N, C-alpha and C. Protein backbone atom coordinates (compact mmCIF):
# COMPACT_ATOMS: atom_id res chain seq x y z
N UNK A 1 -0.95 -29.45 128.01
CA UNK A 1 -0.18 -30.09 127.01
C UNK A 1 -0.77 -30.83 126.11
N UNK A 2 -0.39 -30.25 125.00
CA UNK A 2 -0.97 -31.33 123.94
C UNK A 2 0.26 -31.58 123.28
N UNK A 3 0.28 -33.46 122.39
CA UNK A 3 1.56 -33.66 122.34
C UNK A 3 1.55 -33.12 121.03
N UNK A 4 2.66 -33.47 120.69
CA UNK A 4 3.24 -33.92 118.99
C UNK A 4 2.11 -32.71 118.45
N UNK A 5 3.31 -31.54 118.87
CA UNK A 5 2.72 -30.52 118.00
C UNK A 5 4.05 -30.23 117.17
N UNK A 6 4.71 -30.66 116.77
CA UNK A 6 6.19 -30.74 116.10
C UNK A 6 6.11 -32.00 115.94
N UNK A 7 6.55 -31.67 114.05
CA UNK A 7 6.55 -33.15 113.56
C UNK A 7 6.93 -32.08 112.54
N UNK A 8 8.15 -33.54 111.59
CA UNK A 8 8.69 -33.96 110.99
C UNK A 8 7.92 -34.28 109.52
N UNK A 9 7.63 -33.83 108.79
CA UNK A 9 6.88 -34.01 106.98
C UNK A 9 7.81 -34.23 105.93
N UNK A 10 7.20 -35.07 105.04
CA UNK A 10 7.53 -35.01 103.85
C UNK A 10 6.86 -34.10 103.16
N UNK A 11 7.05 -33.57 102.70
CA UNK A 11 6.42 -31.79 101.39
C UNK A 11 6.86 -32.94 100.26
N UNK A 12 5.62 -33.44 99.18
CA UNK A 12 5.66 -33.31 97.88
C UNK A 12 5.65 -32.02 97.14
N UNK A 13 5.77 -32.67 95.91
CA UNK A 13 6.43 -31.63 95.08
C UNK A 13 5.13 -30.68 94.48
N UNK A 14 3.88 -31.21 94.62
CA UNK A 14 2.92 -30.30 94.64
C UNK A 14 2.86 -28.96 95.63
N UNK A 15 2.81 -29.38 97.11
CA UNK A 15 2.96 -29.04 98.44
C UNK A 15 4.10 -27.85 98.32
N UNK A 16 5.04 -27.90 97.98
CA UNK A 16 6.02 -26.73 97.92
C UNK A 16 5.98 -25.86 96.89
N UNK A 17 5.16 -26.53 95.82
CA UNK A 17 5.14 -25.60 94.82
C UNK A 17 4.00 -24.32 95.48
N UNK A 18 3.18 -24.68 96.04
CA UNK A 18 2.66 -23.76 96.47
C UNK A 18 2.26 -23.36 97.67
N UNK A 19 3.55 -23.64 98.29
CA UNK A 19 4.03 -23.21 100.02
C UNK A 19 4.55 -21.80 100.16
N UNK A 20 4.28 -20.92 100.65
CA UNK A 20 4.86 -19.41 100.89
C UNK A 20 6.52 -19.20 101.08
N UNK A 21 7.43 -19.03 100.84
CA UNK A 21 9.29 -19.37 100.60
C UNK A 21 9.84 -18.72 101.19
N UNK A 22 10.00 -18.20 102.57
CA UNK A 22 10.77 -17.44 103.66
C UNK A 22 12.38 -16.89 103.09
N UNK A 23 13.27 -17.90 103.55
CA UNK A 23 14.01 -18.57 102.64
C UNK A 23 14.57 -19.64 101.69
N UNK A 24 15.21 -19.73 100.99
CA UNK A 24 15.59 -20.63 100.21
C UNK A 24 15.66 -20.09 98.55
N UNK A 25 15.66 -21.24 97.78
CA UNK A 25 15.38 -20.89 96.58
C UNK A 25 14.06 -21.15 95.69
N UNK A 26 12.75 -20.20 95.55
CA UNK A 26 11.68 -20.40 95.53
C UNK A 26 11.84 -20.81 94.15
N UNK A 27 10.54 -21.32 92.99
CA UNK A 27 10.95 -22.31 92.15
C UNK A 27 10.84 -21.31 90.87
N UNK A 28 10.41 -20.01 90.71
CA UNK A 28 10.26 -19.11 90.24
C UNK A 28 11.89 -18.22 90.45
N UNK A 29 13.01 -18.16 91.15
CA UNK A 29 14.32 -17.96 90.87
C UNK A 29 15.44 -19.12 90.37
N UNK A 30 14.58 -20.17 90.72
CA UNK A 30 14.78 -21.92 89.92
C UNK A 30 15.59 -21.92 88.45
N UNK A 31 14.05 -21.43 87.46
CA UNK A 31 13.19 -21.17 86.30
C UNK A 31 13.98 -19.66 85.78
N UNK A 32 14.25 -18.96 86.85
CA UNK A 32 15.47 -17.90 85.70
C UNK A 32 17.06 -18.16 86.19
N UNK A 33 17.52 -18.59 87.08
CA UNK A 33 18.37 -19.15 86.94
C UNK A 33 18.84 -20.58 85.97
N UNK A 34 17.75 -21.28 85.87
CA UNK A 34 18.50 -21.88 83.95
C UNK A 34 17.98 -20.97 83.48
N UNK A 35 17.09 -20.60 83.29
CA UNK A 35 16.70 -19.96 81.76
C UNK A 35 18.03 -18.88 81.31
N UNK A 36 19.26 -18.04 82.44
CA UNK A 36 20.09 -17.45 82.37
C UNK A 36 21.85 -18.40 81.69
N UNK A 37 21.48 -19.68 82.59
CA UNK A 37 22.33 -21.01 82.11
C UNK A 37 22.03 -21.40 81.04
N UNK A 38 20.71 -21.66 80.47
CA UNK A 38 20.77 -22.12 78.94
C UNK A 38 20.91 -20.80 78.16
N UNK A 39 20.80 -19.61 78.15
CA UNK A 39 21.53 -18.47 77.38
C UNK A 39 22.82 -18.15 77.47
N UNK A 40 23.28 -18.58 78.23
CA UNK A 40 24.66 -18.10 78.25
C UNK A 40 25.50 -19.59 77.09
N UNK A 41 24.74 -20.87 78.01
CA UNK A 41 24.81 -21.98 77.26
C UNK A 41 25.02 -21.86 75.64
N UNK A 42 23.92 -20.42 75.13
CA UNK A 42 23.61 -20.70 73.36
C UNK A 42 24.84 -20.24 73.02
N UNK A 43 24.85 -18.57 74.12
CA UNK A 43 25.41 -18.17 73.76
C UNK A 43 27.59 -18.19 73.63
N UNK A 44 27.72 -18.93 74.18
CA UNK A 44 29.37 -19.81 74.53
C UNK A 44 29.50 -20.60 73.54
N UNK A 45 28.58 -21.55 72.74
CA UNK A 45 28.27 -22.22 71.35
C UNK A 45 28.29 -21.36 70.14
N UNK A 46 27.49 -20.53 70.04
CA UNK A 46 27.50 -19.11 68.77
C UNK A 46 29.00 -19.18 69.08
N UNK A 47 29.60 -18.20 70.04
CA UNK A 47 31.48 -18.19 69.77
C UNK A 47 31.62 -19.32 68.83
N UNK A 48 31.67 -19.97 69.75
CA UNK A 48 32.30 -21.18 69.55
C UNK A 48 33.20 -21.49 68.43
N UNK A 49 31.84 -21.88 67.77
CA UNK A 49 31.39 -21.98 65.65
C UNK A 49 31.81 -21.10 65.26
N UNK A 50 31.14 -19.87 65.72
CA UNK A 50 32.08 -18.45 64.54
C UNK A 50 33.60 -18.14 65.22
N UNK A 51 34.08 -18.47 66.08
CA UNK A 51 35.59 -18.63 66.00
C UNK A 51 36.40 -19.25 64.22
N UNK A 52 36.95 -17.75 64.34
CA UNK A 52 37.85 -19.11 63.38
C UNK A 52 39.01 -19.67 63.32
N UNK A 53 38.98 -20.78 62.82
CA UNK A 53 40.12 -21.93 63.23
C UNK A 53 40.24 -22.28 64.47
N UNK A 54 38.93 -22.87 64.81
CA UNK A 54 38.75 -23.85 65.46
C UNK A 54 37.92 -25.30 65.22
N UNK A 55 39.09 -26.31 65.36
CA UNK A 55 38.08 -27.19 64.98
C UNK A 55 36.92 -28.02 65.19
N UNK A 56 37.20 -28.61 64.29
CA UNK A 56 35.26 -29.26 64.38
C UNK A 56 35.86 -29.85 65.76
N UNK A 57 36.52 -30.80 66.38
CA UNK A 57 36.25 -31.84 67.16
C UNK A 57 36.04 -30.63 68.62
N UNK A 58 36.71 -29.61 68.53
CA UNK A 58 37.04 -28.68 69.83
C UNK A 58 35.01 -27.98 69.79
N UNK A 59 34.48 -27.99 68.71
CA UNK A 59 33.65 -26.86 68.86
C UNK A 59 32.47 -28.31 68.91
N UNK A 60 32.29 -29.39 68.92
CA UNK A 60 31.95 -30.57 69.51
C UNK A 60 31.73 -30.90 70.57
N UNK A 61 32.96 -31.22 71.26
CA UNK A 61 33.02 -31.22 72.75
C UNK A 61 32.67 -29.74 73.01
N UNK A 62 32.76 -28.74 72.81
CA UNK A 62 32.53 -27.50 73.68
C UNK A 62 30.97 -27.49 73.95
N UNK A 63 30.63 -27.82 72.86
CA UNK A 63 28.93 -28.14 72.67
C UNK A 63 28.66 -29.77 73.81
N UNK A 64 29.20 -30.41 72.91
CA UNK A 64 28.17 -32.13 74.32
C UNK A 64 28.69 -31.97 75.55
N UNK A 65 29.79 -31.33 75.88
CA UNK A 65 30.28 -30.30 77.50
C UNK A 65 28.08 -29.08 78.34
N UNK A 66 28.87 -28.95 77.01
CA UNK A 66 27.47 -27.39 77.69
C UNK A 66 26.54 -28.17 77.68
N UNK A 67 25.68 -29.65 76.94
CA UNK A 67 24.77 -29.92 76.72
C UNK A 67 24.88 -30.72 78.11
N UNK A 68 26.33 -31.52 78.68
CA UNK A 68 25.84 -32.37 79.46
C UNK A 68 26.12 -31.91 80.94
N UNK A 69 26.44 -30.94 80.91
CA UNK A 69 26.10 -30.09 82.21
C UNK A 69 24.33 -29.51 82.34
N UNK A 70 23.82 -28.82 81.18
CA UNK A 70 22.66 -28.32 81.01
C UNK A 70 21.54 -29.79 81.30
N UNK A 71 22.08 -30.50 81.21
CA UNK A 71 21.54 -32.23 81.53
C UNK A 71 21.41 -32.91 82.65
N UNK A 72 22.27 -32.04 83.53
CA UNK A 72 23.19 -32.20 84.71
C UNK A 72 22.41 -31.71 85.98
N UNK A 73 22.11 -30.47 85.43
CA UNK A 73 21.52 -29.33 85.78
C UNK A 73 19.47 -28.97 85.99
N UNK A 74 19.47 -29.96 84.70
CA UNK A 74 17.49 -29.51 84.92
C UNK A 74 17.66 -31.29 85.89
N UNK A 75 18.27 -31.80 85.77
CA UNK A 75 18.07 -33.13 86.42
C UNK A 75 18.13 -32.85 87.99
N UNK A 76 18.46 -31.63 88.49
CA UNK A 76 19.42 -31.79 89.45
C UNK A 76 18.57 -30.04 90.37
N UNK A 77 17.91 -30.11 89.19
CA UNK A 77 17.60 -28.10 89.46
C UNK A 77 16.11 -27.79 90.53
N UNK A 78 15.15 -29.27 90.36
CA UNK A 78 14.51 -28.96 90.40
C UNK A 78 13.48 -27.90 91.00
N UNK A 79 12.85 -27.40 89.68
CA UNK A 79 12.42 -26.14 88.77
C UNK A 79 11.69 -26.40 89.66
N UNK A 80 10.26 -27.37 89.90
CA UNK A 80 9.40 -27.22 90.11
C UNK A 80 9.22 -26.61 90.88
N UNK A 81 9.64 -26.98 92.51
CA UNK A 81 9.62 -26.59 93.34
C UNK A 81 11.04 -25.93 94.31
N UNK A 82 11.79 -25.31 93.86
CA UNK A 82 12.78 -24.43 94.37
C UNK A 82 13.56 -25.62 95.11
N UNK A 83 14.62 -24.59 95.86
CA UNK A 83 15.46 -25.47 97.34
C UNK A 83 14.89 -24.89 98.61
N UNK A 84 14.04 -24.73 98.96
CA UNK A 84 13.21 -23.86 100.09
C UNK A 84 14.04 -24.21 101.87
N UNK A 85 14.50 -22.92 103.13
CA UNK A 85 15.24 -23.79 104.09
C UNK A 85 14.54 -23.08 104.94
N UNK A 86 13.53 -22.21 104.29
CA UNK A 86 12.37 -22.18 105.04
C UNK A 86 10.97 -22.16 104.98
N UNK A 87 9.44 -22.62 104.64
CA UNK A 87 8.22 -21.30 104.14
C UNK A 87 7.00 -22.38 105.38
N UNK A 88 6.48 -21.79 104.11
CA UNK A 88 5.29 -22.30 104.96
C UNK A 88 4.08 -22.33 104.24
N UNK A 89 3.07 -23.60 104.88
CA UNK A 89 1.95 -24.37 104.37
C UNK A 89 1.85 -24.77 105.09
N UNK A 90 0.20 -25.34 105.13
CA UNK A 90 -1.00 -25.60 105.45
C UNK A 90 -1.26 -25.42 107.05
N UNK A 91 -0.44 -23.89 107.21
CA UNK A 91 -0.99 -23.55 108.22
C UNK A 91 0.33 -24.08 109.62
N UNK A 92 1.58 -24.17 109.17
CA UNK A 92 2.29 -25.04 109.18
C UNK A 92 3.85 -23.79 109.36
N UNK A 93 4.83 -23.79 109.80
CA UNK A 93 5.83 -22.70 109.07
C UNK A 93 7.21 -24.26 109.82
N UNK A 94 7.60 -24.32 108.13
CA UNK A 94 8.52 -25.74 107.90
C UNK A 94 9.89 -25.54 108.15
N UNK A 95 10.83 -26.04 108.66
CA UNK A 95 11.98 -25.27 108.25
C UNK A 95 13.36 -27.14 108.16
N UNK A 96 13.63 -27.33 106.56
CA UNK A 96 14.04 -27.82 106.57
C UNK A 96 15.38 -28.93 106.71
N UNK A 97 14.56 -30.07 107.22
CA UNK A 97 15.63 -31.22 107.54
C UNK A 97 17.08 -31.88 106.77
N UNK A 98 15.45 -32.11 106.02
CA UNK A 98 16.68 -33.31 104.08
C UNK A 98 16.62 -32.80 103.31
N UNK A 99 17.56 -31.69 102.77
CA UNK A 99 16.14 -31.46 101.14
C UNK A 99 16.32 -32.28 99.76
N UNK A 100 16.74 -33.39 99.99
CA UNK A 100 16.87 -34.32 98.96
C UNK A 100 15.86 -35.84 99.30
N UNK A 101 15.39 -35.87 100.30
CA UNK A 101 14.34 -36.28 100.33
C UNK A 101 12.74 -35.71 100.30
N UNK A 102 13.16 -33.62 100.28
CA UNK A 102 11.96 -32.59 100.15
C UNK A 102 11.56 -32.75 102.45
N UNK A 103 12.22 -33.52 102.96
CA UNK A 103 11.89 -33.48 104.58
C UNK A 103 11.79 -32.53 105.65
N UNK A 104 10.77 -31.88 105.67
CA UNK A 104 11.13 -30.70 107.12
C UNK A 104 10.30 -31.14 108.27
N UNK A 105 11.16 -30.60 109.51
CA UNK A 105 10.56 -30.24 110.90
C UNK A 105 9.46 -29.05 110.53
N UNK A 106 8.09 -29.47 110.99
CA UNK A 106 6.79 -28.38 110.88
C UNK A 106 6.40 -28.29 112.29
N UNK A 107 5.76 -26.88 112.88
CA UNK A 107 5.32 -26.42 113.81
C UNK A 107 4.19 -25.91 113.68
N UNK A 108 3.31 -25.80 114.52
CA UNK A 108 1.81 -24.72 113.91
C UNK A 108 2.34 -23.21 113.97
N UNK A 109 1.78 -22.85 113.46
CA UNK A 109 1.95 -21.54 113.19
C UNK A 109 1.82 -20.64 114.67
N UNK A 110 0.68 -20.55 115.20
CA UNK A 110 0.74 -20.23 116.94
C UNK A 110 2.11 -20.47 117.99
N UNK A 111 2.70 -22.12 117.00
CA UNK A 111 3.53 -21.65 118.24
C UNK A 111 4.29 -21.54 118.03
N UNK A 112 5.09 -20.24 116.87
CA UNK A 112 5.74 -19.29 116.54
C UNK A 112 5.96 -18.25 116.94
N UNK A 113 6.52 -17.61 118.45
CA UNK A 113 6.87 -16.59 118.77
C UNK A 113 6.90 -15.00 117.54
N UNK A 114 8.26 -16.24 117.45
CA UNK A 114 8.92 -14.79 116.38
C UNK A 114 9.69 -15.16 114.80
N UNK A 115 10.60 -14.63 114.74
CA UNK A 115 11.67 -14.75 114.25
C UNK A 115 12.33 -14.08 114.08
N UNK A 116 13.76 -14.33 114.42
CA UNK A 116 14.91 -13.38 114.93
C UNK A 116 16.52 -14.13 114.15
N UNK A 117 17.19 -12.95 113.63
CA UNK A 117 18.20 -13.08 112.85
C UNK A 117 18.88 -13.73 114.02
N UNK A 118 20.02 -15.36 113.15
CA UNK A 118 21.19 -15.95 114.72
C UNK A 118 22.17 -16.03 113.68
N UNK A 119 22.59 -16.81 114.57
CA UNK A 119 24.55 -17.55 113.47
C UNK A 119 24.36 -18.75 114.93
N UNK A 120 24.80 -19.40 113.56
CA UNK A 120 24.84 -21.20 113.97
C UNK A 120 26.77 -21.28 113.87
N UNK A 121 27.59 -21.73 115.01
CA UNK A 121 28.80 -21.86 114.69
C UNK A 121 29.41 -22.04 113.73
N UNK A 122 30.73 -21.94 113.24
CA UNK A 122 31.28 -20.80 113.16
C UNK A 122 30.48 -18.98 112.88
N UNK A 123 30.61 -19.28 111.70
CA UNK A 123 29.97 -17.90 110.75
C UNK A 123 29.06 -18.63 109.72
N UNK A 124 27.88 -18.63 110.53
CA UNK A 124 26.99 -19.32 109.58
C UNK A 124 25.75 -17.45 110.31
N UNK A 125 25.22 -17.61 108.82
CA UNK A 125 24.16 -16.15 108.87
C UNK A 125 22.49 -17.48 108.60
N UNK A 126 22.54 -17.06 109.41
CA UNK A 126 20.57 -17.83 109.81
C UNK A 126 19.69 -17.77 110.11
N UNK A 127 18.86 -18.32 110.93
CA UNK A 127 17.52 -17.24 111.23
C UNK A 127 16.55 -18.77 112.31
N UNK A 128 15.96 -18.12 113.01
CA UNK A 128 15.93 -18.17 114.62
C UNK A 128 14.65 -18.43 114.86
N UNK A 129 13.71 -19.74 114.73
CA UNK A 129 12.27 -19.43 114.49
C UNK A 129 11.74 -19.55 116.23
N UNK A 130 11.49 -18.44 116.92
CA UNK A 130 11.42 -18.72 118.13
C UNK A 130 10.26 -19.49 118.76
N UNK A 131 9.79 -20.58 119.26
CA UNK A 131 8.97 -21.38 119.90
C UNK A 131 8.60 -20.83 122.00
N UNK A 132 6.93 -21.19 121.86
CA UNK A 132 6.33 -20.93 122.94
C UNK A 132 6.88 -22.30 123.61
N UNK A 133 7.60 -22.36 124.53
CA UNK A 133 8.59 -23.18 124.89
C UNK A 133 7.62 -23.78 125.75
N UNK A 134 6.58 -22.94 126.29
CA UNK A 134 5.38 -24.10 127.51
C UNK A 134 4.84 -24.31 127.13
N UNK A 135 3.98 -24.46 126.38
CA UNK A 135 3.34 -25.67 125.25
C UNK A 135 4.29 -26.77 124.84
N UNK A 136 5.58 -27.19 124.84
CA UNK A 136 6.06 -28.01 124.23
C UNK A 136 6.07 -28.91 124.90
N UNK A 137 5.65 -30.41 124.17
CA UNK A 137 5.91 -31.20 125.29
C UNK A 137 7.41 -32.36 125.12
N UNK A 138 7.41 -32.75 125.68
CA UNK A 138 8.69 -34.02 126.19
C UNK A 138 9.49 -34.44 124.08
N UNK A 139 8.17 -35.30 123.36
CA UNK A 139 7.35 -35.58 122.49
C UNK A 139 8.20 -34.38 121.39
N UNK A 140 8.05 -33.01 121.37
CA UNK A 140 8.55 -32.19 120.62
C UNK A 140 9.98 -31.89 121.07
N UNK A 141 9.67 -31.62 122.49
CA UNK A 141 11.67 -31.69 121.79
C UNK A 141 12.41 -32.77 121.45
N UNK A 142 11.81 -34.29 121.54
CA UNK A 142 12.47 -35.49 121.62
C UNK A 142 12.48 -34.75 119.52
N UNK A 143 11.57 -34.67 118.60
CA UNK A 143 11.60 -33.89 117.62
C UNK A 143 12.23 -33.03 117.33
N UNK A 144 12.36 -31.80 117.98
CA UNK A 144 13.16 -30.44 117.70
C UNK A 144 14.61 -31.22 117.40
N UNK A 145 15.04 -31.92 118.33
CA UNK A 145 16.73 -32.16 118.45
C UNK A 145 16.84 -33.29 117.35
N UNK A 146 15.75 -33.32 115.93
CA UNK A 146 15.85 -34.39 115.17
C UNK A 146 16.25 -33.79 113.93
N UNK A 147 16.34 -32.38 114.00
CA UNK A 147 16.75 -30.75 113.09
C UNK A 147 17.91 -30.48 113.56
N UNK A 148 18.94 -30.13 111.85
CA UNK A 148 20.19 -29.98 111.14
C UNK A 148 20.70 -29.68 112.64
N UNK A 149 19.98 -28.14 112.73
CA UNK A 149 20.97 -27.59 114.07
C UNK A 149 19.79 -28.00 115.41
N UNK A 150 20.10 -28.48 116.45
CA UNK A 150 19.18 -29.06 116.89
C UNK A 150 19.26 -27.26 118.43
N UNK A 151 18.06 -27.53 118.26
CA UNK A 151 17.70 -26.91 120.06
C UNK A 151 16.37 -27.35 120.71
N UNK A 152 16.10 -26.61 122.20
CA UNK A 152 14.96 -27.90 122.39
C UNK A 152 13.64 -26.40 122.67
N UNK A 153 14.41 -25.26 122.21
CA UNK A 153 13.48 -23.96 122.75
C UNK A 153 13.25 -23.23 120.63
N UNK A 154 14.03 -23.96 119.58
CA UNK A 154 13.53 -23.18 118.17
C UNK A 154 13.78 -23.95 117.90
N UNK A 155 14.17 -23.05 116.62
CA UNK A 155 14.37 -24.10 114.83
C UNK A 155 15.44 -22.82 113.70
N UNK A 156 16.27 -23.73 113.88
CA UNK A 156 17.65 -23.51 113.01
C UNK A 156 16.97 -23.15 112.06
N UNK A 157 17.63 -22.37 111.24
CA UNK A 157 17.48 -21.96 108.81
C UNK A 157 19.02 -21.83 108.67
N UNK A 158 19.35 -21.77 107.63
CA UNK A 158 19.72 -21.08 107.31
C UNK A 158 19.15 -19.93 106.29
N UNK A 159 20.41 -18.89 106.18
CA UNK A 159 19.11 -17.32 105.35
C UNK A 159 19.78 -17.90 104.09
N UNK A 160 19.05 -18.47 102.89
CA UNK A 160 20.18 -18.73 101.94
C UNK A 160 18.80 -17.38 100.84
N UNK A 161 19.54 -16.65 99.61
CA UNK A 161 19.81 -15.52 98.93
C UNK A 161 19.17 -15.31 99.25
N UNK A 162 18.89 -14.52 100.73
CA UNK A 162 17.86 -13.62 101.16
C UNK A 162 18.86 -12.98 102.85
N UNK A 163 18.83 -11.36 102.76
CA UNK A 163 19.71 -11.25 103.87
C UNK A 163 18.66 -11.60 105.07
N UNK A 164 18.90 -12.11 106.43
CA UNK A 164 18.31 -12.87 107.43
C UNK A 164 17.11 -12.31 107.74
N UNK A 165 17.50 -10.74 107.83
CA UNK A 165 17.07 -9.88 108.87
C UNK A 165 15.78 -9.09 107.63
N UNK A 166 15.55 -10.09 106.66
CA UNK A 166 14.46 -9.41 105.22
C UNK A 166 13.83 -10.83 106.02
N UNK A 167 14.13 -11.94 105.90
CA UNK A 167 13.80 -13.59 105.68
C UNK A 167 13.00 -12.68 107.65
N UNK A 168 13.61 -13.06 108.11
CA UNK A 168 12.65 -12.26 110.15
C UNK A 168 11.69 -11.46 109.68
N UNK A 169 11.91 -10.34 109.00
CA UNK A 169 10.24 -9.35 108.23
C UNK A 169 9.43 -9.91 108.41
N UNK A 170 9.63 -11.20 107.20
CA UNK A 170 8.20 -11.24 106.38
C UNK A 170 8.73 -12.45 106.79
N UNK A 171 9.35 -13.03 108.10
CA UNK A 171 8.26 -14.20 108.62
C UNK A 171 7.14 -13.01 109.81
N UNK A 172 8.03 -12.43 110.36
CA UNK A 172 7.11 -11.69 112.01
C UNK A 172 5.93 -11.11 110.93
N UNK A 173 5.79 -10.56 109.37
CA UNK A 173 4.77 -10.18 109.26
C UNK A 173 3.48 -11.07 109.17
N UNK A 174 4.16 -12.57 108.14
CA UNK A 174 2.98 -13.86 108.78
C UNK A 174 2.23 -14.20 109.88
N UNK A 175 3.21 -13.17 110.65
CA UNK A 175 2.80 -14.27 112.44
C UNK A 175 1.73 -12.99 112.63
N UNK A 176 1.71 -12.41 112.09
CA UNK A 176 1.30 -11.49 113.22
C UNK A 176 -0.46 -10.86 112.05
């Protein structure tokens, strides 16, 4: 039995940019959302400027609020790396532990036996990465219990912006 197959890793922006995202928000989706937001802001600004009988103070207030929200979105959006929940990087499958710190619990691909739809009580749709428990050491189980939803035999992650069945199919095809 080998020690430390399960590890907690902090991935940098470049690693996230090149990772395969199975669940969560990919960088491409983040760019699309931000572009749609910018187009929305331009349309609203044009409507407000062209509308008759609106004061200049109101027009400037609306423009200022749109600019402030756009800057806040840009500052928090992580357009380059997205907000992944489950990804593959460097022959490992990783599940998010702390999104702000880009911290993941990672396991070697060979340790994952399957991905299955799951439910985190009371009603959160998730997916479970089933692990080969015979290969897990006590240290691995301790690390698994540092996950957001701790389990001794699997890693759980929310299914974000993709159906959990589709995410499981993507992971299972990646595993084979």
